[in-house]
Amino acid sequence: MVVYCIVNLDEIVKIPAVYLHYKKYIWVRNITREED
């Protein structure tokens, strides 16, 4: 049970980083699309 909580905590910590990276990727893609 403790290991399960630690694994889930690791996933929860990663979510903001993945979300910000995804938003940044969309932002970059939108700029390149507008320049074309």
PDB file of N, CA and C in Angstrom:
ATOM      1  N   MET A   1       0.835  -1.208   0.000  1.00  0.00           N
ATOM      2  CA  MET A   1       0.000   0.000   0.000  1.00  0.00           C
ATOM      3  C   MET A   1       0.871   1.261   0.000  1.00  0.00           C
ATOM      4  N   VAL A   2       1.938   1.252   0.759  1.00  0.00           N
ATOM      5  CA  VAL A   2       2.835   2.415   0.802  1.00  0.00           C
ATOM      6  C   VAL A   2       3.490   2.628  -0.557  1.00  0.00           C
ATOM      7  N   VAL A   3       3.931   1.531  -1.177  1.00  0.00           N
ATOM      8  CA  VAL A   3       4.561   1.635  -2.501  1.00  0.00           C
ATOM      9  C   VAL A   3       3.565   2.194  -3.510  1.00  0.00           C
ATOM     10  N   TYR A   4       2.328   1.747  -3.447  1.00  0.00           N
ATOM     11  CA  TYR A   4       1.283   2.231  -4.354  1.00  0.00           C
ATOM     12  C   TYR A   4       1.104   3.747  -4.208  1.00  0.00           C
ATOM     13  N   CYS A   5       1.091   4.225  -2.964  1.00  0.00           N
ATOM     14  CA  CYS A   5       0.945   5.664  -2.721  1.00  0.00           C
ATOM     15  C   CYS A   5       2.143   6.434  -3.265  1.00  0.00           C
ATOM     16  N   ILE A   6       3.337   5.896  -3.085  1.00  0.00           N
ATOM     17  CA  ILE A   6       4.542   6.575  -3.576  1.00  0.00           C
ATOM     18  C   ILE A   6       4.522   6.651  -5.103  1.00  0.00           C
ATOM     19  N   VAL A   7       4.118   5.575  -5.751  1.00  0.00           N
ATOM     20  CA  VAL A   7       4.053   5.570  -7.216  1.00  0.00           C
ATOM     21  C   VAL A   7       3.024   6.592  -7.692  1.00  0.00           C
ATOM     22  N   ASN A   8       1.877   6.633  -7.060  1.00  0.00           N
ATOM     23  CA  ASN A   8       0.851   7.606  -7.445  1.00  0.00           C
ATOM     24  C   ASN A   8       1.315   9.032  -7.187  1.00  0.00           C
ATOM     25  N   LEU A   9       2.021   9.251  -6.093  1.00  0.00           N
ATOM     26  CA  LEU A   9       2.534  10.581  -5.788  1.00  0.00           C
ATOM     27  C   LEU A   9       3.501  11.028  -6.885  1.00  0.00           C
ATOM     28  N   ASP A  10       4.327  10.117  -7.363  1.00  0.00           N
ATOM     29  CA  ASP A  10       5.270  10.434  -8.433  1.00  0.00           C
ATOM     30  C   ASP A  10       4.517  10.846  -9.695  1.00  0.00           C
ATOM     31  N   GLU A  11       3.437  10.143 -10.009  1.00  0.00           N
ATOM     32  CA  GLU A  11       2.638  10.488 -11.190  1.00  0.00           C
ATOM     33  C   GLU A  11       1.992  11.857 -11.021  1.00  0.00           C
ATOM     34  N   ILE A  12       1.483  12.140  -9.829  1.00  0.00           N
ATOM     35  CA  ILE A  12       0.828  13.429  -9.573  1.00  0.00           C
ATOM     36  C   ILE A  12       1.836  14.569  -9.701  1.00  0.00           C
ATOM     37  N   VAL A  13       3.059  14.339  -9.258  1.00  0.00           N
ATOM     38  CA  VAL A  13       4.104  15.365  -9.360  1.00  0.00           C
ATOM     39  C   VAL A  13       4.445  15.619 -10.826  1.00  0.00           C
ATOM     40  N   LYS A  14       4.387  14.578 -11.656  1.00  0.00           N
ATOM     41  CA  LYS A  14       4.744  14.723 -13.074  1.00  0.00           C
ATOM     42  C   LYS A  14       3.661  15.442 -13.876  1.00  0.00           C
ATOM     43  N   ILE A  15       2.415  15.385 -13.441  1.00  0.00           N
ATOM     44  CA  ILE A  15       1.305  15.934 -14.238  1.00  0.00           C
ATOM     45  C   ILE A  15       1.515  17.418 -14.582  1.00  0.00           C
ATOM     46  N   PRO A  16       1.848  18.304 -13.632  1.00  0.00           N
ATOM     47  CA  PRO A  16       2.038  19.716 -14.016  1.00  0.00           C
ATOM     48  C   PRO A  16       3.149  19.903 -15.040  1.00  0.00           C
ATOM     49  N   ALA A  17       4.251  19.174 -14.907  1.00  0.00           N
ATOM     50  CA  ALA A  17       5.361  19.317 -15.847  1.00  0.00           C
ATOM     51  C   ALA A  17       4.936  18.881 -17.246  1.00  0.00           C
ATOM     52  N   VAL A  18       4.231  17.765 -17.331  1.00  0.00           N
ATOM     53  CA  VAL A  18       3.761  17.277 -18.633  1.00  0.00           C
ATOM     54  C   VAL A  18       2.751  18.255 -19.225  1.00  0.00           C
ATOM     55  N   TYR A  19       1.874  18.781 -18.399  1.00  0.00           N
ATOM     56  CA  TYR A  19       0.854  19.725 -18.869  1.00  0.00           C
ATOM     57  C   TYR A  19       1.497  20.999 -19.410  1.00  0.00           C
ATOM     58  N   LEU A  20       2.467  21.537 -18.671  1.00  0.00           N
ATOM     59  CA  LEU A  20       3.143  22.755 -19.130  1.00  0.00           C
ATOM     60  C   LEU A  20       3.913  22.492 -20.418  1.00  0.00           C
ATOM     61  N   HIS A  21       4.565  21.340 -20.506  1.00  0.00           N
ATOM     62  CA  HIS A  21       5.313  20.994 -21.719  1.00  0.00           C
ATOM     63  C   HIS A  21       4.361  20.885 -22.904  1.00  0.00           C
ATOM     64  N   TYR A  22       3.188  20.297 -22.694  1.00  0.00           N
ATOM     65  CA  TYR A  22       2.197  20.129 -23.755  1.00  0.00           C
ATOM     66  C   TYR A  22       1.672  21.492 -24.212  1.00  0.00           C
ATOM     67  N   LYS A  23       1.376  22.378 -23.255  1.00  0.00           N
ATOM     68  CA  LYS A  23       0.893  23.716 -23.608  1.00  0.00           C
ATOM     69  C   LYS A  23       1.962  24.479 -24.388  1.00  0.00           C
ATOM     70  N   LYS A  24       3.226  24.346 -23.970  1.00  0.00           N
ATOM     71  CA  LYS A  24       4.313  25.032 -24.653  1.00  0.00           C
ATOM     72  C   LYS A  24       4.439  24.511 -26.083  1.00  0.00           C
ATOM     73  N   TYR A  25       4.270  23.212 -26.276  1.00  0.00           N
ATOM     74  CA  TYR A  25       4.371  22.609 -27.603  1.00  0.00           C
ATOM     75  C   TYR A  25       3.282  23.156 -28.519  1.00  0.00           C
ATOM     76  N   ILE A  26       2.061  23.281 -28.011  1.00  0.00           N
ATOM     77  CA  ILE A  26       0.962  23.815 -28.820  1.00  0.00           C
ATOM     78  C   ILE A  26       1.250  25.272 -29.181  1.00  0.00           C
ATOM     79  N   TRP A  27       1.792  26.030 -28.220  1.00  0.00           N
ATOM     80  CA  TRP A  27       2.101  27.438 -28.446  1.00  0.00           C
ATOM     81  C   TRP A  27       3.138  27.575 -29.562  1.00  0.00           C
ATOM     82  N   VAL A  28       4.181  26.774 -29.518  1.00  0.00           N
ATOM     83  CA  VAL A  28       5.225  26.825 -30.550  1.00  0.00           C
ATOM     84  C   VAL A  28       4.644  26.414 -31.893  1.00  0.00           C
ATOM     85  N   ARG A  29       3.815  25.387 -31.901  1.00  0.00           N
ATOM     86  CA  ARG A  29       3.237  24.905 -33.152  1.00  0.00           C
ATOM     87  C   ARG A  29       2.317  25.962 -33.761  1.00  0.00           C
ATOM     88  N   ASN A  30       1.571  26.673 -32.936  1.00  0.00           N
ATOM     89  CA  ASN A  30       0.680  27.712 -33.448  1.00  0.00           C
ATOM     90  C   ASN A  30       1.468  28.856 -34.080  1.00  0.00           C
ATOM     91  N   ILE A  31       2.584  29.230 -33.487  1.00  0.00           N
ATOM     92  CA  ILE A  31       3.406  30.318 -34.043  1.00  0.00           C
ATOM     93  C   ILE A  31       3.979  29.898 -35.394  1.00  0.00           C
ATOM     94  N   THR A  32       4.486  28.686 -35.487  1.00  0.00           N
ATOM     95  CA  THR A  32       5.072  28.242 -36.753  1.00  0.00           C
ATOM     96  C   THR A  32       3.992  28.137 -37.820  1.00  0.00           C
ATOM     97  N   ARG A  33       2.798  27.767 -37.435  1.00  0.00           N
ATOM     98  CA  ARG A  33       1.704  27.654 -38.403  1.00  0.00           C
ATOM     99  C   ARG A  33       1.331  29.040 -38.932  1.00  0.00           C
ATOM    100  N   GLU A  34       1.328  30.059 -38.064  1.00  0.00           N
ATOM    101  CA  GLU A  34       0.968  31.415 -38.492  1.00  0.00           C
ATOM    102  C   GLU A  34       2.017  31.999 -39.433  1.00  0.00           C
ATOM    103  N   GLU A  35       3.278  31.648 -39.247  1.00  0.00           N
ATOM    104  CA  GLU A  35       4.343  32.196 -40.091  1.00  0.00           C
ATOM    105  C   GLU A  35       4.313  31.612 -41.497  1.00  0.00           C
ATOM    106  N   ASP A  36       3.798  30.408 -41.656  1.00  0.00           N
ATOM    107  CA  ASP A  36       3.813  29.767 -42.985  1.00  0.00           C
ATOM    108  C   ASP A  36       2.913  30.469 -43.979  1.00  0.00           C
TER     109      ASP A  36
END
